Amino acid sequence: MAEEAPAAAPAKAPAKSPKKKKAAARPKKDGPSISKLLVSAVTESKERKGMSLAALKKVLAGKGVDVTKANKRINTAVTKLVTKGTLSQTKGTGASGSFKLAKETKPNCQEVGASQML
């Protein structure tokens, strides 16, 4: 019934910090950005209620975008376009749902008249 002490872990040597080589900058791809491709896909669409995110991804895949690799960038581009006001979201929240082009808002005559008075 002698108690045994747990085996002590071997002492670690201080980690040497190897000199990191700077990664070569990737060449920028030619062609339009994902957000421009998304806007063009929505403008080409004839859907009244907007295009779903899955339909947008199918169009991008047809244009040569690797959707599985660019999934996160597509989702963030869609949400940024909605917050900027380029796209409007007809269904869903976040990056899911249906999207269509936002209508341009025209200033009211009263607002224009009030600003000209000042």
PDB file of N, CA and C in Angstrom:
ATOM      1  N   MET A   1       0.799  -1.178   0.000  1.00  0.00           N
ATOM      2  CA  MET A   1       0.000   0.000   0.000  1.00  0.00           C
ATOM      3  C   MET A   1       0.854   1.258   0.000  1.00  0.00           C
ATOM      4  N   ALA A   2       1.921   1.183  -0.629  1.00  0.00           N
ATOM      5  CA  ALA A   2       2.785   2.362  -0.765  1.00  0.00           C
ATOM      6  C   ALA A   2       2.253   3.219  -1.906  1.00  0.00           C
ATOM      7  N   GLU A   3       2.146   4.495  -1.609  1.00  0.00           N
ATOM      8  CA  GLU A   3       1.651   5.406  -2.647  1.00  0.00           C
ATOM      9  C   GLU A   3       2.805   5.817  -3.544  1.00  0.00           C
ATOM     10  N   GLU A   4       2.525   5.793  -4.813  1.00  0.00           N
ATOM     11  CA  GLU A   4       3.558   6.191  -5.766  1.00  0.00           C
ATOM     12  C   GLU A   4       3.281   7.607  -6.248  1.00  0.00           C
ATOM     13  N   ALA A   5       4.324   8.362  -6.338  1.00  0.00           N
ATOM     14  CA  ALA A   5       4.180   9.734  -6.840  1.00  0.00           C
ATOM     15  C   ALA A   5       4.014   9.673  -8.347  1.00  0.00           C
ATOM     16  N   PRO A   6       3.174  10.544  -8.900  1.00  0.00           N
ATOM     17  CA  PRO A   6       3.022  10.545 -10.355  1.00  0.00           C
ATOM     18  C   PRO A   6       4.343  10.909 -11.017  1.00  0.00           C
ATOM     19  N   ALA A   7       4.564  10.306 -12.159  1.00  0.00           N
ATOM     20  CA  ALA A   7       5.822  10.544 -12.865  1.00  0.00           C
ATOM     21  C   ALA A   7       5.881  11.997 -13.307  1.00  0.00           C
ATOM     22  N   ALA A   8       6.982  12.624 -13.034  1.00  0.00           N
ATOM     23  CA  ALA A   8       7.155  14.032 -13.397  1.00  0.00           C
ATOM     24  C   ALA A   8       7.397  14.129 -14.888  1.00  0.00           C
ATOM     25  N   ALA A   9       6.839  15.137 -15.476  1.00  0.00           N
ATOM     26  CA  ALA A   9       7.022  15.346 -16.909  1.00  0.00           C
ATOM     27  C   ALA A   9       8.455  15.792 -17.147  1.00  0.00           C
ATOM     28  N   PRO A  10       9.060  15.350 -18.240  1.00  0.00           N
ATOM     29  CA  PRO A  10      10.427  15.764 -18.496  1.00  0.00           C
ATOM     30  C   PRO A  10      10.492  17.276 -18.692  1.00  0.00           C
ATOM     31  N   ALA A  11      11.547  17.860 -18.203  1.00  0.00           N
ATOM     32  CA  ALA A  11      11.710  19.313 -18.298  1.00  0.00           C
ATOM     33  C   ALA A  11      11.836  19.710 -19.759  1.00  0.00           C
ATOM     34  N   LYS A  12      11.043  20.704 -20.134  1.00  0.00           N
ATOM     35  CA  LYS A  12      11.085  21.160 -21.513  1.00  0.00           C
ATOM     36  C   LYS A  12      12.182  22.200 -21.681  1.00  0.00           C
ATOM     37  N   ALA A  13      12.865  22.065 -22.754  1.00  0.00           N
ATOM     38  CA  ALA A  13      13.877  23.068 -23.077  1.00  0.00           C
ATOM     39  C   ALA A  13      13.153  24.299 -23.599  1.00  0.00           C
ATOM     40  N   PRO A  14      13.686  25.483 -23.354  1.00  0.00           N
ATOM     41  CA  PRO A  14      13.017  26.672 -23.871  1.00  0.00           C
ATOM     42  C   PRO A  14      12.913  26.595 -25.397  1.00  0.00           C
ATOM     43  N   ALA A  15      11.738  26.932 -25.878  1.00  0.00           N
ATOM     44  CA  ALA A  15      11.493  26.838 -27.317  1.00  0.00           C
ATOM     45  C   ALA A  15      12.302  27.895 -28.045  1.00  0.00           C
ATOM     46  N   LYS A  16      13.003  27.431 -29.048  1.00  0.00           N
ATOM     47  CA  LYS A  16      13.765  28.362 -29.859  1.00  0.00           C
ATOM     48  C   LYS A  16      12.835  28.940 -30.911  1.00  0.00           C
ATOM     49  N   SER A  17      12.925  30.218 -31.107  1.00  0.00           N
ATOM     50  CA  SER A  17      12.066  30.830 -32.117  1.00  0.00           C
ATOM     51  C   SER A  17      12.810  30.816 -33.446  1.00  0.00           C
ATOM     52  N   PRO A  18      12.377  29.942 -34.341  1.00  0.00           N
ATOM     53  CA  PRO A  18      13.050  29.903 -35.634  1.00  0.00           C
ATOM     54  C   PRO A  18      12.724  31.164 -36.427  1.00  0.00           C
ATOM     55  N   LYS A  19      13.659  31.550 -37.234  1.00  0.00           N
ATOM     56  CA  LYS A  19      13.438  32.739 -38.046  1.00  0.00           C
ATOM     57  C   LYS A  19      12.423  32.396 -39.121  1.00  0.00           C
ATOM     58  N   LYS A  20      11.348  33.167 -39.132  1.00  0.00           N
ATOM     59  CA  LYS A  20      10.293  32.911 -40.103  1.00  0.00           C
ATOM     60  C   LYS A  20      10.614  33.634 -41.401  1.00  0.00           C
ATOM     61  N   LYS A  21      10.430  32.902 -42.472  1.00  0.00           N
ATOM     62  CA  LYS A  21      10.618  33.515 -43.770  1.00  0.00           C
ATOM     63  C   LYS A  21       9.327  34.194 -44.171  1.00  0.00           C
ATOM     64  N   LYS A  22       9.452  35.331 -44.784  1.00  0.00           N
ATOM     65  CA  LYS A  22       8.261  36.034 -45.233  1.00  0.00           C
ATOM     66  C   LYS A  22       7.693  35.316 -46.443  1.00  0.00           C
ATOM     67  N   ALA A  23       6.399  35.085 -46.386  1.00  0.00           N
ATOM     68  CA  ALA A  23       5.742  34.417 -47.503  1.00  0.00           C
ATOM     69  C   ALA A  23       5.664  35.388 -48.676  1.00  0.00           C
ATOM     70  N   ALA A  24       5.869  34.856 -49.836  1.00  0.00           N
ATOM     71  CA  ALA A  24       5.786  35.693 -51.032  1.00  0.00           C
ATOM     72  C   ALA A  24       4.345  36.140 -51.230  1.00  0.00           C
ATOM     73  N   ALA A  25       4.167  37.366 -51.617  1.00  0.00           N
ATOM     74  CA  ALA A  25       2.825  37.893 -51.830  1.00  0.00           C
ATOM     75  C   ALA A  25       2.192  37.189 -53.021  1.00  0.00           C
ATOM     76  N   ARG A  26       0.949  36.790 -52.832  1.00  0.00           N
ATOM     77  CA  ARG A  26       0.248  36.111 -53.916  1.00  0.00           C
ATOM     78  C   ARG A  26      -0.112  37.127 -54.988  1.00  0.00           C
ATOM     79  N   PRO A  27       0.019  36.733 -56.220  1.00  0.00           N
ATOM     80  CA  PRO A  27      -0.395  37.662 -57.274  1.00  0.00           C
ATOM     81  C   PRO A  27      -1.910  37.814 -57.268  1.00  0.00           C
ATOM     82  N   LYS A  28      -2.357  39.034 -57.461  1.00  0.00           N
ATOM     83  CA  LYS A  28      -3.792  39.300 -57.437  1.00  0.00           C
ATOM     84  C   LYS A  28      -4.428  38.753 -58.707  1.00  0.00           C
ATOM     85  N   LYS A  29      -5.564  38.094 -58.527  1.00  0.00           N
ATOM     86  CA  LYS A  29      -6.237  37.494 -59.675  1.00  0.00           C
ATOM     87  C   LYS A  29      -6.851  38.579 -60.548  1.00  0.00           C
ATOM     88  N   ASP A  30      -6.849  38.315 -61.832  1.00  0.00           N
ATOM     89  CA  ASP A  30      -7.488  39.225 -62.759  1.00  0.00           C
ATOM     90  C   ASP A  30      -8.988  38.985 -62.719  1.00  0.00           C
ATOM     91  N   GLY A  31      -9.735  39.982 -63.090  1.00  0.00           N
ATOM     92  CA  GLY A  31     -11.175  39.828 -63.153  1.00  0.00           C
ATOM     93  C   GLY A  31     -11.863  40.605 -62.059  1.00  0.00           C
ATOM     94  N   PRO A  32     -13.183  40.645 -62.126  1.00  0.00           N
ATOM     95  CA  PRO A  32     -13.955  41.425 -61.155  1.00  0.00           C
ATOM     96  C   PRO A  32     -13.966  40.773 -59.776  1.00  0.00           C
ATOM     97  N   SER A  33     -14.245  41.588 -58.770  1.00  0.00           N
ATOM     98  CA  SER A  33     -14.317  41.075 -57.408  1.00  0.00           C
ATOM     99  C   SER A  33     -15.618  40.304 -57.218  1.00  0.00           C
ATOM    100  N   ILE A  34     -15.712  39.615 -56.099  1.00  0.00           N
ATOM    101  CA  ILE A  34     -16.898  38.808 -55.832  1.00  0.00           C
ATOM    102  C   ILE A  34     -18.128  39.703 -55.682  1.00  0.00           C
ATOM    103  N   SER A  35     -17.960  40.863 -55.056  1.00  0.00           N
ATOM    104  CA  SER A  35     -19.113  41.736 -54.885  1.00  0.00           C
ATOM    105  C   SER A  35     -19.635  42.243 -56.230  1.00  0.00           C
ATOM    106  N   LYS A  36     -18.733  42.523 -57.169  1.00  0.00           N
ATOM    107  CA  LYS A  36     -19.175  42.959 -58.498  1.00  0.00           C
ATOM    108  C   LYS A  36     -19.873  41.819 -59.230  1.00  0.00           C
ATOM    109  N   LEU A  37     -19.371  40.605 -59.063  1.00  0.00           N
ATOM    110  CA  LEU A  37     -20.020  39.452 -59.673  1.00  0.00           C
ATOM    111  C   LEU A  37     -21.410  39.218 -59.088  1.00  0.00           C
ATOM    112  N   LEU A  38     -21.546  39.431 -57.777  1.00  0.00           N
ATOM    113  CA  LEU A  38     -22.853  39.257 -57.139  1.00  0.00           C
ATOM    114  C   LEU A  38     -23.860  40.276 -57.652  1.00  0.00           C
ATOM    115  N   VAL A  39     -23.433  41.523 -57.770  1.00  0.00           N
ATOM    116  CA  VAL A  39     -24.342  42.568 -58.246  1.00  0.00           C
ATOM    117  C   VAL A  39     -24.754  42.296 -59.692  1.00  0.00           C
ATOM    118  N   SER A  40     -23.796  41.850 -60.515  1.00  0.00           N
ATOM    119  CA  SER A  40     -24.144  41.565 -61.909  1.00  0.00           C
ATOM    120  C   SER A  40     -25.077  40.360 -62.013  1.00  0.00           C
ATOM    121  N   ALA A  41     -24.903  39.372 -61.129  1.00  0.00           N
ATOM    122  CA  ALA A  41     -25.784  38.202 -61.148  1.00  0.00           C
ATOM    123  C   ALA A  41     -27.208  38.585 -60.769  1.00  0.00           C
ATOM    124  N   VAL A  42     -27.352  39.487 -59.803  1.00  0.00           N
ATOM    125  CA  VAL A  42     -28.687  39.908 -59.385  1.00  0.00           C
ATOM    126  C   VAL A  42     -29.330  40.769 -60.468  1.00  0.00           C
ATOM    127  N   THR A  43     -28.544  41.614 -61.150  1.00  0.00           N
ATOM    128  CA  THR A  43     -29.118  42.455 -62.204  1.00  0.00           C
ATOM    129  C   THR A  43     -29.562  41.630 -63.399  1.00  0.00           C
ATOM    130  N   GLU A  44     -28.838  40.551 -63.710  1.00  0.00           N
ATOM    131  CA  GLU A  44     -29.208  39.688 -64.829  1.00  0.00           C
ATOM    132  C   GLU A  44     -30.441  38.840 -64.522  1.00  0.00           C
ATOM    133  N   SER A  45     -30.721  38.663 -63.252  1.00  0.00           N
ATOM    134  CA  SER A  45     -31.850  37.830 -62.843  1.00  0.00           C
ATOM    135  C   SER A  45     -33.173  38.510 -63.181  1.00  0.00           C
ATOM    136  N   LYS A  46     -34.138  37.714 -63.566  1.00  0.00           N
ATOM    137  CA  LYS A  46     -35.468  38.225 -63.881  1.00  0.00           C
ATOM    138  C   LYS A  46     -36.464  37.940 -62.754  1.00  0.00           C
ATOM    139  N   GLU A  47     -35.970  37.462 -61.624  1.00  0.00           N
ATOM    140  CA  GLU A  47     -36.841  37.108 -60.508  1.00  0.00           C
ATOM    141  C   GLU A  47     -37.400  38.368 -59.848  1.00  0.00           C
ATOM    142  N   ARG A  48     -38.700  38.390 -59.635  1.00  0.00           N
ATOM    143  CA  ARG A  48     -39.336  39.536 -58.997  1.00  0.00           C
ATOM    144  C   ARG A  48     -39.003  39.620 -57.517  1.00  0.00           C
ATOM    145  N   LYS A  49     -38.954  38.467 -56.875  1.00  0.00           N
ATOM    146  CA  LYS A  49     -38.756  38.444 -55.434  1.00  0.00           C
ATOM    147  C   LYS A  49     -37.288  38.345 -55.040  1.00  0.00           C
ATOM    148  N   GLY A  50     -36.399  38.373 -56.004  1.00  0.00           N
ATOM    149  CA  GLY A  50     -34.974  38.321 -55.705  1.00  0.00           C
ATOM    150  C   GLY A  50     -34.402  36.929 -55.880  1.00  0.00           C
ATOM    151  N   MET A  51     -33.080  36.849 -55.768  1.00  0.00           N
ATOM    152  CA  MET A  51     -32.372  35.572 -55.915  1.00  0.00           C
ATOM    153  C   MET A  51     -31.954  35.061 -54.554  1.00  0.00           C
ATOM    154  N   SER A  52     -32.050  33.754 -54.379  1.00  0.00           N
ATOM    155  CA  SER A  52     -31.599  33.153 -53.134  1.00  0.00           C
ATOM    156  C   SER A  52     -30.078  33.062 -53.145  1.00  0.00           C
ATOM    157  N   LEU A  53     -29.513  32.830 -51.973  1.00  0.00           N
ATOM    158  CA  LEU A  53     -28.066  32.721 -51.862  1.00  0.00           C
ATOM    159  C   LEU A  53     -27.560  31.511 -52.636  1.00  0.00           C
ATOM    160  N   ALA A  54     -28.318  30.417 -52.614  1.00  0.00           N
ATOM    161  CA  ALA A  54     -27.912  29.219 -53.357  1.00  0.00           C
ATOM    162  C   ALA A  54     -27.893  29.495 -54.855  1.00  0.00           C
ATOM    163  N   ALA A  55     -28.873  30.248 -55.343  1.00  0.00           N
ATOM    164  CA  ALA A  55     -28.907  30.586 -56.765  1.00  0.00           C
ATOM    165  C   ALA A  55     -27.744  31.502 -57.129  1.00  0.00           C
ATOM    166  N   LEU A  56     -27.403  32.424 -56.235  1.00  0.00           N
ATOM    167  CA  LEU A  56     -26.258  33.304 -56.475  1.00  0.00           C
ATOM    168  C   LEU A  56     -24.964  32.496 -56.572  1.00  0.00           C
ATOM    169  N   LYS A  57     -24.832  31.493 -55.699  1.00  0.00           N
ATOM    170  CA  LYS A  57     -23.626  30.666 -55.718  1.00  0.00           C
ATOM    171  C   LYS A  57     -23.550  29.826 -56.993  1.00  0.00           C
ATOM    172  N   LYS A  58     -24.689  29.381 -57.497  1.00  0.00           N
ATOM    173  CA  LYS A  58     -24.694  28.627 -58.751  1.00  0.00           C
ATOM    174  C   LYS A  58     -24.245  29.503 -59.910  1.00  0.00           C
ATOM    175  N   VAL A  59     -24.690  30.750 -59.924  1.00  0.00           N
ATOM    176  CA  VAL A  59     -24.285  31.676 -60.985  1.00  0.00           C
ATOM    177  C   VAL A  59     -22.783  31.952 -60.895  1.00  0.00           C
ATOM    178  N   LEU A  60     -22.284  32.135 -59.677  1.00  0.00           N
ATOM    179  CA  LEU A  60     -20.849  32.379 -59.500  1.00  0.00           C
ATOM    180  C   LEU A  60     -20.034  31.170 -59.930  1.00  0.00           C
ATOM    181  N   ALA A  61     -20.530  29.966 -59.648  1.00  0.00           N
ATOM    182  CA  ALA A  61     -19.831  28.758 -60.069  1.00  0.00           C
ATOM    183  C   ALA A  61     -19.793  28.681 -61.587  1.00  0.00           C
ATOM    184  N   GLY A  62     -20.851  29.123 -62.235  1.00  0.00           N
ATOM    185  CA  GLY A  62     -20.884  29.142 -63.690  1.00  0.00           C
ATOM    186  C   GLY A  62     -19.914  30.152 -64.280  1.00  0.00           C
ATOM    187  N   LYS A  63     -19.597  31.195 -63.492  1.00  0.00           N
ATOM    188  CA  LYS A  63     -18.655  32.215 -63.962  1.00  0.00           C
ATOM    189  C   LYS A  63     -17.206  31.878 -63.618  1.00  0.00           C
ATOM    190  N   GLY A  64     -16.986  30.708 -63.029  1.00  0.00           N
ATOM    191  CA  GLY A  64     -15.622  30.259 -62.777  1.00  0.00           C
ATOM    192  C   GLY A  64     -15.106  30.489 -61.373  1.00  0.00           C
ATOM    193  N   VAL A  65     -15.954  30.836 -60.425  1.00  0.00           N
ATOM    194  CA  VAL A  65     -15.524  31.037 -59.043  1.00  0.00           C
ATOM    195  C   VAL A  65     -15.619  29.705 -58.314  1.00  0.00           C
ATOM    196  N   ASP A  66     -14.575  29.359 -57.557  1.00  0.00           N
ATOM    197  CA  ASP A  66     -14.604  28.147 -56.741  1.00  0.00           C
ATOM    198  C   ASP A  66     -15.414  28.461 -55.483  1.00  0.00           C
ATOM    199  N   VAL A  67     -16.675  28.066 -55.487  1.00  0.00           N
ATOM    200  CA  VAL A  67     -17.603  28.454 -54.437  1.00  0.00           C
ATOM    201  C   VAL A  67     -17.230  27.824 -53.100  1.00  0.00           C
ATOM    202  N   THR A  68     -16.707  26.618 -53.095  1.00  0.00           N
ATOM    203  CA  THR A  68     -16.373  25.969 -51.825  1.00  0.00           C
ATOM    204  C   THR A  68     -15.225  26.700 -51.127  1.00  0.00           C
ATOM    205  N   LYS A  69     -14.268  27.186 -51.885  1.00  0.00           N
ATOM    206  CA  LYS A  69     -13.164  27.929 -51.276  1.00  0.00           C
ATOM    207  C   LYS A  69     -13.575  29.344 -50.889  1.00  0.00           C
ATOM    208  N   ALA A  70     -14.425  29.949 -51.694  1.00  0.00           N
ATOM    209  CA  ALA A  70     -14.789  31.350 -51.491  1.00  0.00           C
ATOM    210  C   ALA A  70     -16.096  31.516 -50.727  1.00  0.00           C
ATOM    211  N   ASN A  71     -16.565  30.477 -50.055  1.00  0.00           N
ATOM    212  CA  ASN A  71     -17.859  30.525 -49.381  1.00  0.00           C
ATOM    213  C   ASN A  71     -17.926  31.652 -48.357  1.00  0.00           C
ATOM    214  N   LYS A  72     -16.927  31.782 -47.523  1.00  0.00           N
ATOM    215  CA  LYS A  72     -16.917  32.818 -46.487  1.00  0.00           C
ATOM    216  C   LYS A  72     -16.872  34.211 -47.118  1.00  0.00           C
ATOM    217  N   ARG A  73     -16.074  34.370 -48.173  1.00  0.00           N
ATOM    218  CA  ARG A  73     -15.977  35.671 -48.838  1.00  0.00           C
ATOM    219  C   ARG A  73     -17.290  36.040 -49.521  1.00  0.00           C
ATOM    220  N   ILE A  74     -17.993  35.041 -50.050  1.00  0.00           N
ATOM    221  CA  ILE A  74     -19.287  35.305 -50.687  1.00  0.00           C
ATOM    222  C   ILE A  74     -20.288  35.779 -49.640  1.00  0.00           C
ATOM    223  N   ASN A  75     -20.336  35.087 -48.511  1.00  0.00           N
ATOM    224  CA  ASN A  75     -21.279  35.455 -47.455  1.00  0.00           C
ATOM    225  C   ASN A  75     -21.005  36.858 -46.921  1.00  0.00           C
ATOM    226  N   THR A  76     -19.731  37.183 -46.684  1.00  0.00           N
ATOM    227  CA  THR A  76     -19.414  38.513 -46.180  1.00  0.00           C
ATOM    228  C   THR A  76     -19.685  39.586 -47.230  1.00  0.00           C
ATOM    229  N   ALA A  77     -19.451  39.273 -48.495  1.00  0.00           N
ATOM    230  CA  ALA A  77     -19.724  40.244 -49.559  1.00  0.00           C
ATOM    231  C   ALA A  77     -21.219  40.534 -49.649  1.00  0.00           C
ATOM    232  N   VAL A  78     -22.036  39.503 -49.492  1.00  0.00           N
ATOM    233  CA  VAL A  78     -23.486  39.696 -49.549  1.00  0.00           C
ATOM    234  C   VAL A  78     -23.940  40.576 -48.393  1.00  0.00           C
ATOM    235  N   THR A  79     -23.472  40.300 -47.180  1.00  0.00           N
ATOM    236  CA  THR A  79     -23.898  41.102 -46.028  1.00  0.00           C
ATOM    237  C   THR A  79     -23.407  42.543 -46.144  1.00  0.00           C
ATOM    238  N   LYS A  80     -22.205  42.753 -46.689  1.00  0.00           N
ATOM    239  CA  LYS A  80     -21.704  44.116 -46.870  1.00  0.00           C
ATOM    240  C   LYS A  80     -22.513  44.873 -47.915  1.00  0.00           C
ATOM    241  N   LEU A  81     -22.902  44.184 -48.987  1.00  0.00           N
ATOM    242  CA  LEU A  81     -23.710  44.834 -50.014  1.00  0.00           C
ATOM    243  C   LEU A  81     -25.083  45.216 -49.466  1.00  0.00           C
ATOM    244  N   VAL A  82     -25.614  44.421 -48.553  1.00  0.00           N
ATOM    245  CA  VAL A  82     -26.901  44.743 -47.945  1.00  0.00           C
ATOM    246  C   VAL A  82     -26.753  45.944 -47.021  1.00  0.00           C
ATOM    247  N   THR A  83     -25.685  45.984 -46.220  1.00  0.00           N
ATOM    248  CA  THR A  83     -25.505  47.104 -45.294  1.00  0.00           C
ATOM    249  C   THR A  83     -25.190  48.403 -46.030  1.00  0.00           C
ATOM    250  N   LYS A  84     -24.507  48.311 -47.177  1.00  0.00           N
ATOM    251  CA  LYS A  84     -24.222  49.510 -47.969  1.00  0.00           C
ATOM    252  C   LYS A  84     -25.478  50.037 -48.655  1.00  0.00           C
ATOM    253  N   GLY A  85     -26.415  49.147 -48.928  1.00  0.00           N
ATOM    254  CA  GLY A  85     -27.632  49.563 -49.595  1.00  0.00           C
ATOM    255  C   GLY A  85     -27.654  49.223 -51.070  1.00  0.00           C
ATOM    256  N   THR A  86     -26.650  48.503 -51.550  1.00  0.00           N
ATOM    257  CA  THR A  86     -26.638  48.101 -52.957  1.00  0.00           C
ATOM    258  C   THR A  86     -27.673  47.021 -53.202  1.00  0.00           C
ATOM    259  N   LEU A  87     -27.754  46.047 -52.298  1.00  0.00           N
ATOM    260  CA  LEU A  87     -28.748  44.984 -52.373  1.00  0.00           C
ATOM    261  C   LEU A  87     -29.746  45.161 -51.243  1.00  0.00           C
ATOM    262  N   SER A  88     -30.954  44.698 -51.465  1.00  0.00           N
ATOM    263  CA  SER A  88     -31.929  44.666 -50.376  1.00  0.00           C
ATOM    264  C   SER A  88     -32.309  43.213 -50.135  1.00  0.00           C
ATOM    265  N   GLN A  89     -32.545  42.896 -48.889  1.00  0.00           N
ATOM    266  CA  GLN A  89     -32.849  41.523 -48.511  1.00  0.00           C
ATOM    267  C   GLN A  89     -34.360  41.374 -48.386  1.00  0.00           C
ATOM    268  N   THR A  90     -34.931  40.512 -49.230  1.00  0.00           N
ATOM    269  CA  THR A  90     -36.379  40.343 -49.215  1.00  0.00           C
ATOM    270  C   THR A  90     -36.823  39.265 -48.238  1.00  0.00           C
ATOM    271  N   LYS A  91     -35.985  38.261 -48.001  1.00  0.00           N
ATOM    272  CA  LYS A  91     -36.296  37.185 -47.060  1.00  0.00           C
ATOM    273  C   LYS A  91     -35.045  36.848 -46.282  1.00  0.00           C
ATOM    274  N   GLY A  92     -35.215  36.336 -45.081  1.00  0.00           N
ATOM    275  CA  GLY A  92     -34.102  35.817 -44.303  1.00  0.00           C
ATOM    276  C   GLY A  92     -33.337  36.892 -43.553  1.00  0.00           C
ATOM    277  N   THR A  93     -32.276  36.436 -42.860  1.00  0.00           N
ATOM    278  CA  THR A  93     -31.415  37.340 -42.116  1.00  0.00           C
ATOM    279  C   THR A  93     -29.970  36.992 -42.407  1.00  0.00           C
ATOM    280  N   GLY A  94     -29.097  37.955 -42.249  1.00  0.00           N
ATOM    281  CA  GLY A  94     -27.671  37.708 -42.469  1.00  0.00           C
ATOM    282  C   GLY A  94     -27.394  37.430 -43.923  1.00  0.00           C
ATOM    283  N   ALA A  95     -26.614  36.374 -44.184  1.00  0.00           N
ATOM    284  CA  ALA A  95     -26.255  36.039 -45.555  1.00  0.00           C
ATOM    285  C   ALA A  95     -27.226  35.061 -46.183  1.00  0.00           C
ATOM    286  N   SER A  96     -28.258  34.648 -45.432  1.00  0.00           N
ATOM    287  CA  SER A  96     -29.216  33.703 -46.000  1.00  0.00           C
ATOM    288  C   SER A  96     -30.477  34.450 -46.409  1.00  0.00           C
ATOM    289  N   GLY A  97     -31.201  33.880 -47.345  1.00  0.00           N
ATOM    290  CA  GLY A  97     -32.440  34.495 -47.783  1.00  0.00           C
ATOM    291  C   GLY A  97     -32.397  34.840 -49.252  1.00  0.00           C
ATOM    292  N   SER A  98     -33.223  35.811 -49.642  1.00  0.00           N
ATOM    293  CA  SER A  98     -33.288  36.253 -51.017  1.00  0.00           C
ATOM    294  C   SER A  98     -32.866  37.709 -51.105  1.00  0.00           C
ATOM    295  N   PHE A  99     -32.222  38.054 -52.221  1.00  0.00           N
ATOM    296  CA  PHE A  99     -31.672  39.391 -52.396  1.00  0.00           C
ATOM    297  C   PHE A  99     -32.054  39.939 -53.757  1.00  0.00           C
ATOM    298  N   LYS A 100     -32.317  41.236 -53.798  1.00  0.00           N
ATOM    299  CA  LYS A 100     -32.532  41.907 -55.072  1.00  0.00           C
ATOM    300  C   LYS A 100     -31.899  43.287 -54.994  1.00  0.00           C
ATOM    301  N   LEU A 101     -31.794  43.942 -56.136  1.00  0.00           N
ATOM    302  CA  LEU A 101     -31.194  45.269 -56.159  1.00  0.00           C
ATOM    303  C   LEU A 101     -32.069  46.241 -55.388  1.00  0.00           C
ATOM    304  N   ALA A 102     -31.425  47.099 -54.617  1.00  0.00           N
ATOM    305  CA  ALA A 102     -32.156  48.091 -53.850  1.00  0.00           C
ATOM    306  C   ALA A 102     -32.593  49.217 -54.773  1.00  0.00           C
ATOM    307  N   LYS A 103     -33.773  49.730 -54.522  1.00  0.00           N
ATOM    308  CA  LYS A 103     -34.264  50.849 -55.310  1.00  0.00           C
ATOM    309  C   LYS A 103     -33.562  52.120 -54.831  1.00  0.00           C
ATOM    310  N   GLU A 104     -33.251  52.980 -55.775  1.00  0.00           N
ATOM    311  CA  GLU A 104     -32.633  54.247 -55.407  1.00  0.00           C
ATOM    312  C   GLU A 104     -33.704  55.139 -54.800  1.00  0.00           C
ATOM    313  N   THR A 105     -33.373  55.739 -53.666  1.00  0.00           N
ATOM    314  CA  THR A 105     -34.337  56.603 -53.009  1.00  0.00           C
ATOM    315  C   THR A 105     -34.197  58.011 -53.557  1.00  0.00           C
ATOM    316  N   LYS A 106     -35.327  58.598 -53.931  1.00  0.00           N
ATOM    317  CA  LYS A 106     -35.337  59.961 -54.434  1.00  0.00           C
ATOM    318  C   LYS A 106     -35.716  60.884 -53.282  1.00  0.00           C
ATOM    319  N   PRO A 107     -35.058  62.007 -53.149  1.00  0.00           N
ATOM    320  CA  PRO A 107     -35.413  62.916 -52.058  1.00  0.00           C
ATOM    321  C   PRO A 107     -36.790  63.529 -52.287  1.00  0.00           C
ATOM    322  N   ASN A 108     -37.530  63.705 -51.203  1.00  0.00           N
ATOM    323  CA  ASN A 108     -38.853  64.320 -51.287  1.00  0.00           C
ATOM    324  C   ASN A 108     -38.726  65.779 -51.657  1.00  0.00           C
ATOM    325  N   CYS A 109     -39.765  66.316 -52.235  1.00  0.00           N
ATOM    326  CA  CYS A 109     -39.759  67.739 -52.592  1.00  0.00           C
ATOM    327  C   CYS A 109     -39.674  68.596 -51.345  1.00  0.00           C
ATOM    328  N   GLN A 110     -40.305  68.155 -50.257  1.00  0.00           N
ATOM    329  CA  GLN A 110     -40.275  68.931 -49.019  1.00  0.00           C
ATOM    330  C   GLN A 110     -38.864  68.986 -48.454  1.00  0.00           C
ATOM    331  N   GLU A 111     -38.145  67.859 -48.532  1.00  0.00           N
ATOM    332  CA  GLU A 111     -36.777  67.840 -48.029  1.00  0.00           C
ATOM    333  C   GLU A 111     -35.873  68.734 -48.850  1.00  0.00           C
ATOM    334  N   VAL A 112     -36.074  68.754 -50.162  1.00  0.00           N
ATOM    335  CA  VAL A 112     -35.257  69.597 -51.026  1.00  0.00           C
ATOM    336  C   VAL A 112     -35.561  71.054 -50.777  1.00  0.00           C
ATOM    337  N   GLY A 113     -36.848  71.380 -50.615  1.00  0.00           N
ATOM    338  CA  GLY A 113     -37.236  72.752 -50.353  1.00  0.00           C
ATOM    339  C   GLY A 113     -36.699  73.257 -49.028  1.00  0.00           C
ATOM    340  N   ALA A 114     -36.699  72.401 -48.015  1.00  0.00           N
ATOM    341  CA  ALA A 114     -36.202  72.802 -46.709  1.00  0.00           C
ATOM    342  C   ALA A 114     -34.702  73.039 -46.744  1.00  0.00           C
ATOM    343  N   SER A 115     -33.985  72.231 -47.513  1.00  0.00           N
ATOM    344  CA  SER A 115     -32.537  72.413 -47.572  1.00  0.00           C
ATOM    345  C   SER A 115     -32.177  73.649 -48.379  1.00  0.00           C
ATOM    346  N   GLN A 116     -33.025  74.039 -49.356  1.00  0.00           N
ATOM    347  CA  GLN A 116     -32.728  75.227 -50.132  1.00  0.00           C
ATOM    348  C   GLN A 116     -33.027  76.497 -49.349  1.00  0.00           C
ATOM    349  N   MET A 117     -33.929  76.404 -48.379  1.00  0.00           N
ATOM    350  CA  MET A 117     -34.253  77.570 -47.556  1.00  0.00           C
ATOM    351  C   MET A 117     -33.102  77.946 -46.635  1.00  0.00           C
ATOM    352  N   LEU A 118     -32.338  76.974 -46.227  1.00  0.00           N
ATOM    353  CA  LEU A 118     -31.241  77.247 -45.298  1.00  0.00           C
ATOM    354  C   LEU A 118     -30.138  77.883 -45.978  1.00  0.00           C
TER     355      LEU A 118
END
